[in-house]
Amino acid sequence: MSDEEVRRVAEALDEVEQIADLEERVRAKSQVMAEQVKRNKTWQQERRDLVFDLRGQGVSFRKIAERVGTSLATVQDILRGYSGSGSHRPRKGDQSEEG
């Protein structure tokens, strides 16, 4: 996706936020959020696949983060198998990790 395409998507979202009628605005936001939920798993898997591919090519964590457009911590989390929020991370001393 080019910068121009990203800009157009952002502008479309800005337009939703500017809908004057509260009920109409909230309804539109709900529709947008529902559509995005459908895409999230596919988008996350695609990003995960690219991160693992780049790492397999010997690309550094920092370069991967830069190329993928995310934080270093997110790249590290992906490579460790974490997904979602920090609340899904195994805790130190958790019996499931002690094996």
Protein backbone atom coordinates (compact mmCIF):
# COMPACT_ATOMS: atom_id res chain seq x y z
CA MET A 1 0.00 0.00 0.00
CA SER A 2 1.41 3.32 -0.95
CA ASP A 3 1.51 6.36 1.31
CA GLU A 4 -1.24 7.82 -0.85
CA GLU A 5 -3.52 4.84 -0.20
CA VAL A 6 -2.87 5.05 3.54
CA ARG A 7 -3.68 8.76 3.43
CA ARG A 8 -7.00 8.05 1.64
CA VAL A 9 -8.00 5.46 4.24
CA ALA A 10 -7.12 7.89 7.06
CA GLU A 11 -9.16 10.64 5.39
CA ALA A 12 -12.15 8.31 5.07
CA LEU A 13 -11.91 7.54 8.79
CA ASP A 14 -11.64 11.26 9.53
CA GLU A 15 -14.88 11.78 7.60
CA VAL A 16 -16.64 9.19 9.77
CA GLU A 17 -15.45 11.04 12.87
CA GLN A 18 -16.91 14.28 11.52
CA ILE A 19 -20.46 12.98 11.07
CA ALA A 20 -22.54 15.56 12.92
CA ASP A 21 -25.34 13.33 14.20
CA LEU A 22 -24.06 11.30 17.18
CA GLU A 23 -26.22 8.26 16.50
CA GLU A 24 -25.28 8.16 12.83
CA ARG A 25 -21.59 8.66 13.69
CA VAL A 26 -21.60 5.84 16.25
CA ARG A 27 -23.44 3.53 13.84
CA ALA A 28 -20.84 4.24 11.14
CA LYS A 29 -17.99 3.66 13.59
CA SER A 30 -19.56 0.35 14.64
CA GLN A 31 -19.71 -0.75 11.01
CA VAL A 32 -16.08 0.19 10.42
CA MET A 33 -14.95 -1.64 13.58
CA ALA A 34 -16.93 -4.77 12.62
CA GLU A 35 -15.34 -4.80 9.17
CA GLN A 36 -11.88 -4.45 10.67
CA VAL A 37 -12.40 -7.33 13.09
CA LYS A 38 -12.91 -9.55 10.04
CA ARG A 39 -9.54 -8.48 8.66
CA ASN A 40 -7.43 -8.52 11.83
CA LYS A 41 -6.55 -12.24 11.86
CA THR A 42 -5.50 -12.21 8.21
CA TRP A 43 -3.50 -8.99 8.64
CA GLN A 44 -1.78 -10.29 11.78
CA GLN A 45 -0.89 -13.59 10.10
CA GLU A 46 0.51 -11.79 7.07
CA ARG A 47 2.64 -9.57 9.29
CA ARG A 48 3.78 -12.59 11.32
CA ASP A 49 4.77 -14.48 8.16
CA LEU A 50 6.80 -11.51 6.91
CA VAL A 51 8.55 -11.05 10.28
CA PHE A 52 9.57 -14.71 10.36
CA ASP A 53 10.65 -14.62 6.72
CA LEU A 54 12.81 -11.54 7.24
CA ARG A 55 14.33 -12.99 10.40
CA GLY A 56 15.07 -16.21 8.50
CA GLN A 57 16.99 -14.08 6.01
CA GLY A 58 19.11 -12.76 8.87
CA VAL A 59 17.55 -9.30 9.04
CA SER A 60 18.01 -7.67 12.46
CA PHE A 61 15.07 -7.10 14.79
CA ARG A 62 15.41 -3.33 14.41
CA LYS A 63 15.47 -3.50 10.60
CA ILE A 64 12.43 -5.78 10.62
CA ALA A 65 10.56 -3.30 12.83
CA GLU A 66 11.50 -0.49 10.46
CA ARG A 67 10.52 -2.42 7.33
CA VAL A 68 7.24 -3.71 8.78
CA GLY A 69 6.34 -0.35 10.33
CA THR A 70 5.97 -1.49 13.90
CA SER A 71 7.90 -1.33 17.15
CA LEU A 72 10.91 -3.41 18.08
CA ALA A 73 8.91 -4.85 21.00
CA THR A 74 6.16 -6.02 18.63
CA VAL A 75 8.71 -7.78 16.42
CA GLN A 76 10.18 -9.46 19.49
CA ASP A 77 6.72 -10.50 20.67
CA ILE A 78 5.86 -11.99 17.28
CA LEU A 79 9.09 -13.99 17.19
CA ARG A 80 8.43 -15.24 20.75
CA GLY A 81 4.96 -16.37 19.74
CA TYR A 82 3.05 -13.77 21.72
CA SER A 83 -0.09 -12.26 20.28
CA GLY A 84 -2.54 -9.68 21.45
CA SER A 85 -2.05 -7.70 24.61
CA GLY A 86 0.54 -8.28 27.27
CA SER A 87 -2.09 -10.07 29.33
CA HIS A 88 -1.70 -13.08 27.00
CA ARG A 89 2.02 -13.45 27.69
CA PRO A 90 3.12 -16.36 29.84
CA ARG A 91 4.21 -15.24 33.29
CA LYS A 92 7.62 -16.02 34.71
CA GLY A 93 7.37 -19.12 36.82
CA ASP A 94 4.12 -20.18 35.14
CA GLN A 95 3.95 -24.00 35.29
CA SER A 96 3.19 -24.17 31.57
CA GLU A 97 6.69 -22.80 30.90
CA GLU A 98 8.49 -24.94 33.45
CA GLY A 99 7.69 -27.97 31.43
